[in-house]
Amino acid sequence: MKTYKSFDEIDYELNKLNLERQIAWEELKGLKNDFQEDMKPLNWVSTGLKYAGKYGVLVLLRKLIRK
Protein backbone atom coordinates (compact mmCIF):
# COMPACT_ATOMS: atom_id res chain seq x y z
CA MET A 1 0.00 0.00 0.00
CA LYS A 2 1.29 3.41 -0.91
CA THR A 3 1.65 6.04 1.78
CA TYR A 4 1.06 9.65 0.93
CA LYS A 5 2.81 12.61 2.50
CA SER A 6 0.34 15.32 1.54
CA PHE A 7 -3.15 15.88 0.23
CA ASP A 8 -1.66 17.16 -3.03
CA GLU A 9 -0.20 13.70 -3.69
CA ILE A 10 -3.59 12.15 -2.99
CA ASP A 11 -5.33 14.60 -5.33
CA TYR A 12 -2.72 13.96 -8.03
CA GLU A 13 -3.18 10.20 -7.75
CA LEU A 14 -6.98 10.49 -7.82
CA ASN A 15 -6.86 12.71 -10.91
CA LYS A 16 -4.49 10.28 -12.62
CA LEU A 17 -6.74 7.31 -11.86
CA ASN A 18 -9.80 9.23 -13.03
CA LEU A 19 -8.12 10.03 -16.35
CA GLU A 20 -7.08 6.39 -16.78
CA ARG A 21 -10.68 5.33 -16.12
CA GLN A 22 -11.98 7.82 -18.69
CA ILE A 23 -9.48 6.60 -21.28
CA ALA A 24 -10.47 2.98 -20.67
CA TRP A 25 -14.15 3.91 -21.00
CA GLU A 26 -13.55 5.65 -24.33
CA GLU A 27 -11.61 2.63 -25.60
CA LEU A 28 -14.54 0.39 -24.65
CA LYS A 29 -16.94 2.65 -26.53
CA GLY A 30 -14.68 2.42 -29.58
CA LEU A 31 -14.61 -1.37 -29.37
CA LYS A 32 -18.39 -1.43 -29.09
CA ASN A 33 -18.72 0.65 -32.27
CA ASP A 34 -16.23 -1.59 -34.09
CA PHE A 35 -18.18 -4.67 -33.01
CA GLN A 36 -21.46 -3.14 -34.17
CA GLU A 37 -19.93 -2.35 -37.55
CA ASP A 38 -18.66 -5.93 -37.88
CA MET A 39 -22.12 -7.33 -37.13
CA LYS A 40 -23.92 -5.41 -39.88
CA PRO A 41 -25.36 -7.71 -42.58
CA LEU A 42 -23.57 -5.84 -45.38
CA ASN A 43 -20.20 -6.74 -43.84
CA TRP A 44 -21.25 -10.37 -43.60
CA VAL A 45 -22.21 -10.40 -47.27
CA SER A 46 -18.95 -8.84 -48.39
CA THR A 47 -16.97 -11.31 -46.27
CA GLY A 48 -18.97 -14.19 -47.70
CA LEU A 49 -18.40 -13.00 -51.25
CA LYS A 50 -14.69 -12.65 -50.60
CA TYR A 51 -14.40 -16.23 -49.38
CA ALA A 52 -16.65 -17.50 -52.15
CA GLY A 53 -14.39 -15.80 -54.68
CA LYS A 54 -11.32 -17.43 -53.21
CA TYR A 55 -13.03 -20.82 -53.20
CA GLY A 56 -14.18 -20.28 -56.79
CA VAL A 57 -10.65 -19.52 -57.93
CA LEU A 58 -9.41 -22.71 -56.28
CA VAL A 59 -12.12 -24.79 -57.98
CA LEU A 60 -11.31 -23.17 -61.32
CA LEU A 61 -7.60 -23.90 -60.91
CA ARG A 62 -8.32 -27.53 -60.04
CA LYS A 63 -10.44 -27.91 -63.18
CA LEU A 64 -7.72 -26.33 -65.34
CA ILE A 65 -5.00 -28.53 -63.87
CA ARG A 66 -6.99 -31.76 -64.29
CA LYS A 67 -7.68 -31.17 -68.00
PDB file of N, CA and C in Angstrom:
ATOM      1  N   MET A   1       0.846  -1.180   0.000  1.00  0.00           N
ATOM      2  CA  MET A   1       0.000   0.000   0.000  1.00  0.00           C
ATOM      3  C   MET A   1       0.886   1.235   0.000  1.00  0.00           C
ATOM      4  N   LYS A   2       0.500   2.194  -0.795  1.00  0.00           N
ATOM      5  CA  LYS A   2       1.286   3.412  -0.914  1.00  0.00           C
ATOM      6  C   LYS A   2       0.911   4.388   0.194  1.00  0.00           C
ATOM      7  N   THR A   3       1.919   5.012   0.765  1.00  0.00           N
ATOM      8  CA  THR A   3       1.653   6.039   1.776  1.00  0.00           C
ATOM      9  C   THR A   3       1.876   7.409   1.155  1.00  0.00           C
ATOM     10  N   TYR A   4       1.009   8.305   1.480  1.00  0.00           N
ATOM     11  CA  TYR A   4       1.058   9.649   0.931  1.00  0.00           C
ATOM     12  C   TYR A   4       1.535  10.625   2.007  1.00  0.00           C
ATOM     13  N   LYS A   5       2.258  11.633   1.566  1.00  0.00           N
ATOM     14  CA  LYS A   5       2.810  12.614   2.496  1.00  0.00           C
ATOM     15  C   LYS A   5       2.000  13.895   2.549  1.00  0.00           C
ATOM     16  N   SER A   6       1.143  14.105   1.546  1.00  0.00           N
ATOM     17  CA  SER A   6       0.337  15.325   1.544  1.00  0.00           C
ATOM     18  C   SER A   6      -0.958  15.076   0.775  1.00  0.00           C
ATOM     19  N   PHE A   7      -1.895  15.982   0.953  1.00  0.00           N
ATOM     20  CA  PHE A   7      -3.151  15.876   0.230  1.00  0.00           C
ATOM     21  C   PHE A   7      -2.966  16.157  -1.253  1.00  0.00           C
ATOM     22  N   ASP A   8      -1.940  16.900  -1.612  1.00  0.00           N
ATOM     23  CA  ASP A   8      -1.656  17.157  -3.026  1.00  0.00           C
ATOM     24  C   ASP A   8      -1.306  15.856  -3.743  1.00  0.00           C
ATOM     25  N   GLU A   9      -0.543  15.003  -3.094  1.00  0.00           N
ATOM     26  CA  GLU A   9      -0.202  13.704  -3.686  1.00  0.00           C
ATOM     27  C   GLU A   9      -1.454  12.856  -3.866  1.00  0.00           C
ATOM     28  N   ILE A  10      -2.348  12.907  -2.901  1.00  0.00           N
ATOM     29  CA  ILE A  10      -3.592  12.152  -2.995  1.00  0.00           C
ATOM     30  C   ILE A  10      -4.441  12.684  -4.150  1.00  0.00           C
ATOM     31  N   ASP A  11      -4.563  13.995  -4.242  1.00  0.00           N
ATOM     32  CA  ASP A  11      -5.328  14.602  -5.328  1.00  0.00           C
ATOM     33  C   ASP A  11      -4.727  14.260  -6.692  1.00  0.00           C
ATOM     34  N   TYR A  12      -3.403  14.298  -6.782  1.00  0.00           N
ATOM     35  CA  TYR A  12      -2.719  13.964  -8.029  1.00  0.00           C
ATOM     36  C   TYR A  12      -3.027  12.518  -8.422  1.00  0.00           C
ATOM     37  N   GLU A  13      -2.929  11.616  -7.478  1.00  0.00           N
ATOM     38  CA  GLU A  13      -3.183  10.201  -7.754  1.00  0.00           C
ATOM     39  C   GLU A  13      -4.642   9.967  -8.149  1.00  0.00           C
ATOM     40  N   LEU A  14      -5.563  10.629  -7.479  1.00  0.00           N
ATOM     41  CA  LEU A  14      -6.976  10.489  -7.818  1.00  0.00           C
ATOM     42  C   LEU A  14      -7.268  11.030  -9.215  1.00  0.00           C
ATOM     43  N   ASN A  15      -6.680  12.151  -9.561  1.00  0.00           N
ATOM     44  CA  ASN A  15      -6.861  12.709 -10.912  1.00  0.00           C
ATOM     45  C   ASN A  15      -6.287  11.778 -11.963  1.00  0.00           C
ATOM     46  N   LYS A  16      -5.134  11.211 -11.682  1.00  0.00           N
ATOM     47  CA  LYS A  16      -4.494  10.285 -12.616  1.00  0.00           C
ATOM     48  C   LYS A  16      -5.375   9.048 -12.827  1.00  0.00           C
ATOM     49  N   LEU A  17      -5.888   8.490 -11.744  1.00  0.00           N
ATOM     50  CA  LEU A  17      -6.744   7.315 -11.858  1.00  0.00           C
ATOM     51  C   LEU A  17      -8.048   7.639 -12.578  1.00  0.00           C
ATOM     52  N   ASN A  18      -8.583   8.818 -12.348  1.00  0.00           N
ATOM     53  CA  ASN A  18      -9.801   9.228 -13.034  1.00  0.00           C
ATOM     54  C   ASN A  18      -9.561   9.349 -14.539  1.00  0.00           C
ATOM     55  N   LEU A  19      -8.435   9.918 -14.920  1.00  0.00           N
ATOM     56  CA  LEU A  19      -8.118  10.031 -16.348  1.00  0.00           C
ATOM     57  C   LEU A  19      -7.921   8.649 -16.977  1.00  0.00           C
ATOM     58  N   GLU A  20      -7.261   7.746 -16.261  1.00  0.00           N
ATOM     59  CA  GLU A  20      -7.078   6.390 -16.777  1.00  0.00           C
ATOM     60  C   GLU A  20      -8.423   5.695 -16.953  1.00  0.00           C
ATOM     61  N   ARG A  21      -9.340   5.914 -16.020  1.00  0.00           N
ATOM     62  CA  ARG A  21     -10.675   5.329 -16.115  1.00  0.00           C
ATOM     63  C   ARG A  21     -11.414   5.887 -17.318  1.00  0.00           C
ATOM     64  N   GLN A  22     -11.314   7.197 -17.545  1.00  0.00           N
ATOM     65  CA  GLN A  22     -11.981   7.815 -18.691  1.00  0.00           C
ATOM     66  C   GLN A  22     -11.413   7.306 -20.009  1.00  0.00           C
ATOM     67  N   ILE A  23     -10.110   7.131 -20.065  1.00  0.00           N
ATOM     68  CA  ILE A  23      -9.479   6.602 -21.280  1.00  0.00           C
ATOM     69  C   ILE A  23      -9.961   5.183 -21.546  1.00  0.00           C
ATOM     70  N   ALA A  24     -10.001   4.358 -20.509  1.00  0.00           N
ATOM     71  CA  ALA A  24     -10.469   2.982 -20.668  1.00  0.00           C
ATOM     72  C   ALA A  24     -11.924   2.948 -21.133  1.00  0.00           C
ATOM     73  N   TRP A  25     -12.751   3.853 -20.604  1.00  0.00           N
ATOM     74  CA  TRP A  25     -14.155   3.913 -20.999  1.00  0.00           C
ATOM     75  C   TRP A  25     -14.296   4.288 -22.473  1.00  0.00           C
ATOM     76  N   GLU A  26     -13.496   5.259 -22.924  1.00  0.00           N
ATOM     77  CA  GLU A  26     -13.545   5.654 -24.332  1.00  0.00           C
ATOM     78  C   GLU A  26     -13.077   4.521 -25.236  1.00  0.00           C
ATOM     79  N   GLU A  27     -12.078   3.772 -24.810  1.00  0.00           N
ATOM     80  CA  GLU A  27     -11.613   2.631 -25.598  1.00  0.00           C
ATOM     81  C   GLU A  27     -12.706   1.574 -25.698  1.00  0.00           C
ATOM     82  N   LEU A  28     -13.436   1.343 -24.609  1.00  0.00           N
ATOM     83  CA  LEU A  28     -14.542   0.387 -24.649  1.00  0.00           C
ATOM     84  C   LEU A  28     -15.642   0.844 -25.602  1.00  0.00           C
ATOM     85  N   LYS A  29     -15.935   2.135 -25.607  1.00  0.00           N
ATOM     86  CA  LYS A  29     -16.943   2.651 -26.531  1.00  0.00           C
ATOM     87  C   LYS A  29     -16.499   2.451 -27.974  1.00  0.00           C
ATOM     88  N   GLY A  30     -15.208   2.648 -28.230  1.00  0.00           N
ATOM     89  CA  GLY A  30     -14.682   2.422 -29.576  1.00  0.00           C
ATOM     90  C   GLY A  30     -14.788   0.969 -29.988  1.00  0.00           C
ATOM     91  N   LEU A  31     -14.497   0.055 -29.062  1.00  0.00           N
ATOM     92  CA  LEU A  31     -14.614  -1.368 -29.366  1.00  0.00           C
ATOM     93  C   LEU A  31     -16.064  -1.759 -29.624  1.00  0.00           C
ATOM     94  N   LYS A  32     -16.966  -1.151 -28.880  1.00  0.00           N
ATOM     95  CA  LYS A  32     -18.390  -1.429 -29.085  1.00  0.00           C
ATOM     96  C   LYS A  32     -18.807  -1.009 -30.493  1.00  0.00           C
ATOM     97  N   ASN A  33     -18.374   0.172 -30.920  1.00  0.00           N
ATOM     98  CA  ASN A  33     -18.717   0.646 -32.266  1.00  0.00           C
ATOM     99  C   ASN A  33     -18.112  -0.249 -33.340  1.00  0.00           C
ATOM    100  N   ASP A  34     -16.869  -0.677 -33.128  1.00  0.00           N
ATOM    101  CA  ASP A  34     -16.235  -1.588 -34.089  1.00  0.00           C
ATOM    102  C   ASP A  34     -17.007  -2.897 -34.186  1.00  0.00           C
ATOM    103  N   PHE A  35     -17.431  -3.420 -33.036  1.00  0.00           N
ATOM    104  CA  PHE A  35     -18.182  -4.667 -33.013  1.00  0.00           C
ATOM    105  C   PHE A  35     -19.519  -4.507 -33.734  1.00  0.00           C
ATOM    106  N   GLN A  36     -20.188  -3.378 -33.493  1.00  0.00           N
ATOM    107  CA  GLN A  36     -21.463  -3.140 -34.167  1.00  0.00           C
ATOM    108  C   GLN A  36     -21.275  -3.058 -35.676  1.00  0.00           C
ATOM    109  N   GLU A  37     -20.199  -2.433 -36.118  1.00  0.00           N
ATOM    110  CA  GLU A  37     -19.929  -2.354 -37.553  1.00  0.00           C
ATOM    111  C   GLU A  37     -19.673  -3.740 -38.135  1.00  0.00           C
ATOM    112  N   ASP A  38     -18.962  -4.586 -37.395  1.00  0.00           N
ATOM    113  CA  ASP A  38     -18.664  -5.928 -37.881  1.00  0.00           C
ATOM    114  C   ASP A  38     -19.911  -6.804 -37.963  1.00  0.00           C
ATOM    115  N   MET A  39     -20.912  -6.509 -37.167  1.00  0.00           N
ATOM    116  CA  MET A  39     -22.120  -7.329 -37.133  1.00  0.00           C
ATOM    117  C   MET A  39     -23.179  -6.901 -38.145  1.00  0.00           C
ATOM    118  N   LYS A  40     -22.944  -5.852 -38.879  1.00  0.00           N
ATOM    119  CA  LYS A  40     -23.920  -5.407 -39.881  1.00  0.00           C
ATOM    120  C   LYS A  40     -23.991  -6.434 -41.017  1.00  0.00           C
ATOM    121  N   PRO A  41     -25.191  -6.688 -41.526  1.00  0.00           N
ATOM    122  CA  PRO A  41     -25.356  -7.706 -42.582  1.00  0.00           C
ATOM    123  C   PRO A  41     -24.526  -7.421 -43.834  1.00  0.00           C
ATOM    124  N   LEU A  42     -24.343  -6.161 -44.183  1.00  0.00           N
ATOM    125  CA  LEU A  42     -23.566  -5.843 -45.377  1.00  0.00           C
ATOM    126  C   LEU A  42     -22.129  -6.349 -45.242  1.00  0.00           C
ATOM    127  N   ASN A  43     -21.554  -6.229 -44.056  1.00  0.00           N
ATOM    128  CA  ASN A  43     -20.199  -6.740 -43.841  1.00  0.00           C
ATOM    129  C   ASN A  43     -20.160  -8.257 -43.953  1.00  0.00           C
ATOM    130  N   TRP A  44     -21.199  -8.912 -43.498  1.00  0.00           N
ATOM    131  CA  TRP A  44     -21.246 -10.368 -43.604  1.00  0.00           C
ATOM    132  C   TRP A  44     -21.302 -10.789 -45.065  1.00  0.00           C
ATOM    133  N   VAL A  45     -22.078 -10.064 -45.847  1.00  0.00           N
ATOM    134  CA  VAL A  45     -22.210 -10.397 -47.269  1.00  0.00           C
ATOM    135  C   VAL A  45     -20.878 -10.200 -47.977  1.00  0.00           C
ATOM    136  N   SER A  46     -20.228  -9.090 -47.715  1.00  0.00           N
ATOM    137  CA  SER A  46     -18.949  -8.845 -48.391  1.00  0.00           C
ATOM    138  C   SER A  46     -17.908  -9.874 -47.979  1.00  0.00           C
ATOM    139  N   THR A  47     -17.907 -10.271 -46.720  1.00  0.00           N
ATOM    140  CA  THR A  47     -16.971 -11.305 -46.267  1.00  0.00           C
ATOM    141  C   THR A  47     -17.287 -12.630 -46.946  1.00  0.00           C
ATOM    142  N   GLY A  48     -18.567 -12.957 -47.031  1.00  0.00           N
ATOM    143  CA  GLY A  48     -18.971 -14.195 -47.698  1.00  0.00           C
ATOM    144  C   GLY A  48     -18.585 -14.203 -49.166  1.00  0.00           C
ATOM    145  N   LEU A  49     -18.774 -13.079 -49.835  1.00  0.00           N
ATOM    146  CA  LEU A  49     -18.399 -12.999 -51.250  1.00  0.00           C
ATOM    147  C   LEU A  49     -16.889 -13.123 -51.436  1.00  0.00           C
ATOM    148  N   LYS A  50     -16.147 -12.559 -50.515  1.00  0.00           N
ATOM    149  CA  LYS A  50     -14.691 -12.651 -50.602  1.00  0.00           C
ATOM    150  C   LYS A  50     -14.234 -14.108 -50.511  1.00  0.00           C
ATOM    151  N   TYR A  51     -14.782 -14.827 -49.530  1.00  0.00           N
ATOM    152  CA  TYR A  51     -14.404 -16.234 -49.377  1.00  0.00           C
ATOM    153  C   TYR A  51     -14.926 -17.089 -50.524  1.00  0.00           C
ATOM    154  N   ALA A  52     -16.117 -16.768 -51.013  1.00  0.00           N
ATOM    155  CA  ALA A  52     -16.653 -17.504 -52.154  1.00  0.00           C
ATOM    156  C   ALA A  52     -15.776 -17.289 -53.381  1.00  0.00           C
ATOM    157  N   GLY A  53     -15.283 -16.071 -53.552  1.00  0.00           N
ATOM    158  CA  GLY A  53     -14.393 -15.795 -54.676  1.00  0.00           C
ATOM    159  C   GLY A  53     -13.098 -16.579 -54.581  1.00  0.00           C
ATOM    160  N   LYS A  54     -12.545 -16.652 -53.381  1.00  0.00           N
ATOM    161  CA  LYS A  54     -11.317 -17.432 -53.207  1.00  0.00           C
ATOM    162  C   LYS A  54     -11.566 -18.914 -53.483  1.00  0.00           C
ATOM    163  N   TYR A  55     -12.692 -19.408 -52.965  1.00  0.00           N
ATOM    164  CA  TYR A  55     -13.033 -20.816 -53.198  1.00  0.00           C
ATOM    165  C   TYR A  55     -13.265 -21.070 -54.683  1.00  0.00           C
ATOM    166  N   GLY A  56     -13.922 -20.144 -55.367  1.00  0.00           N
ATOM    167  CA  GLY A  56     -14.183 -20.281 -56.795  1.00  0.00           C
ATOM    168  C   GLY A  56     -12.901 -20.328 -57.605  1.00  0.00           C
ATOM    169  N   VAL A  57     -11.940 -19.516 -57.221  1.00  0.00           N
ATOM    170  CA  VAL A  57     -10.650 -19.519 -57.927  1.00  0.00           C
ATOM    171  C   VAL A  57      -9.961 -20.865 -57.727  1.00  0.00           C
ATOM    172  N   LEU A  58     -10.018 -21.405 -56.532  1.00  0.00           N
ATOM    173  CA  LEU A  58      -9.407 -22.714 -56.276  1.00  0.00           C
ATOM    174  C   LEU A  58     -10.076 -23.811 -57.100  1.00  0.00           C
ATOM    175  N   VAL A  59     -11.394 -23.795 -57.181  1.00  0.00           N
ATOM    176  CA  VAL A  59     -12.117 -24.795 -57.976  1.00  0.00           C
ATOM    177  C   VAL A  59     -11.748 -24.651 -59.444  1.00  0.00           C
ATOM    178  N   LEU A  60     -11.671 -23.415 -59.928  1.00  0.00           N
ATOM    179  CA  LEU A  60     -11.310 -23.169 -61.324  1.00  0.00           C
ATOM    180  C   LEU A  60      -9.900 -23.678 -61.617  1.00  0.00           C
ATOM    181  N   LEU A  61      -8.969 -23.416 -60.706  1.00  0.00           N
ATOM    182  CA  LEU A  61      -7.597 -23.900 -60.911  1.00  0.00           C
ATOM    183  C   LEU A  61      -7.536 -25.420 -60.916  1.00  0.00           C
ATOM    184  N   ARG A  62      -8.292 -26.064 -60.049  1.00  0.00           N
ATOM    185  CA  ARG A  62      -8.315 -27.533 -60.041  1.00  0.00           C
ATOM    186  C   ARG A  62      -8.826 -28.076 -61.361  1.00  0.00           C
ATOM    187  N   LYS A  63      -9.880 -27.442 -61.902  1.00  0.00           N
ATOM    188  CA  LYS A  63     -10.440 -27.910 -63.183  1.00  0.00           C
ATOM    189  C   LYS A  63      -9.432 -27.700 -64.314  1.00  0.00           C
ATOM    190  N   LEU A  64      -8.719 -26.597 -64.296  1.00  0.00           N
ATOM    191  CA  LEU A  64      -7.721 -26.329 -65.341  1.00  0.00           C
ATOM    192  C   LEU A  64      -6.550 -27.293 -65.246  1.00  0.00           C
ATOM    193  N   ILE A  65      -6.146 -27.638 -64.054  1.00  0.00           N
ATOM    194  CA  ILE A  65      -5.003 -28.529 -63.870  1.00  0.00           C
ATOM    195  C   ILE A  65      -5.364 -29.960 -64.275  1.00  0.00           C
ATOM    196  N   ARG A  66      -6.579 -30.395 -63.990  1.00  0.00           N
ATOM    197  CA  ARG A  66      -6.992 -31.756 -64.286  1.00  0.00           C
ATOM    198  C   ARG A  66      -7.167 -32.003 -65.778  1.00  0.00           C
ATOM    199  N   LYS A  67      -7.451 -30.975 -66.562  1.00  0.00           N
ATOM    200  CA  LYS A  67      -7.678 -31.170 -68.003  1.00  0.00           C
ATOM    201  C   LYS A  67      -6.428 -31.348 -68.768  1.00  0.00           C
TER     202      LYS A  67
END
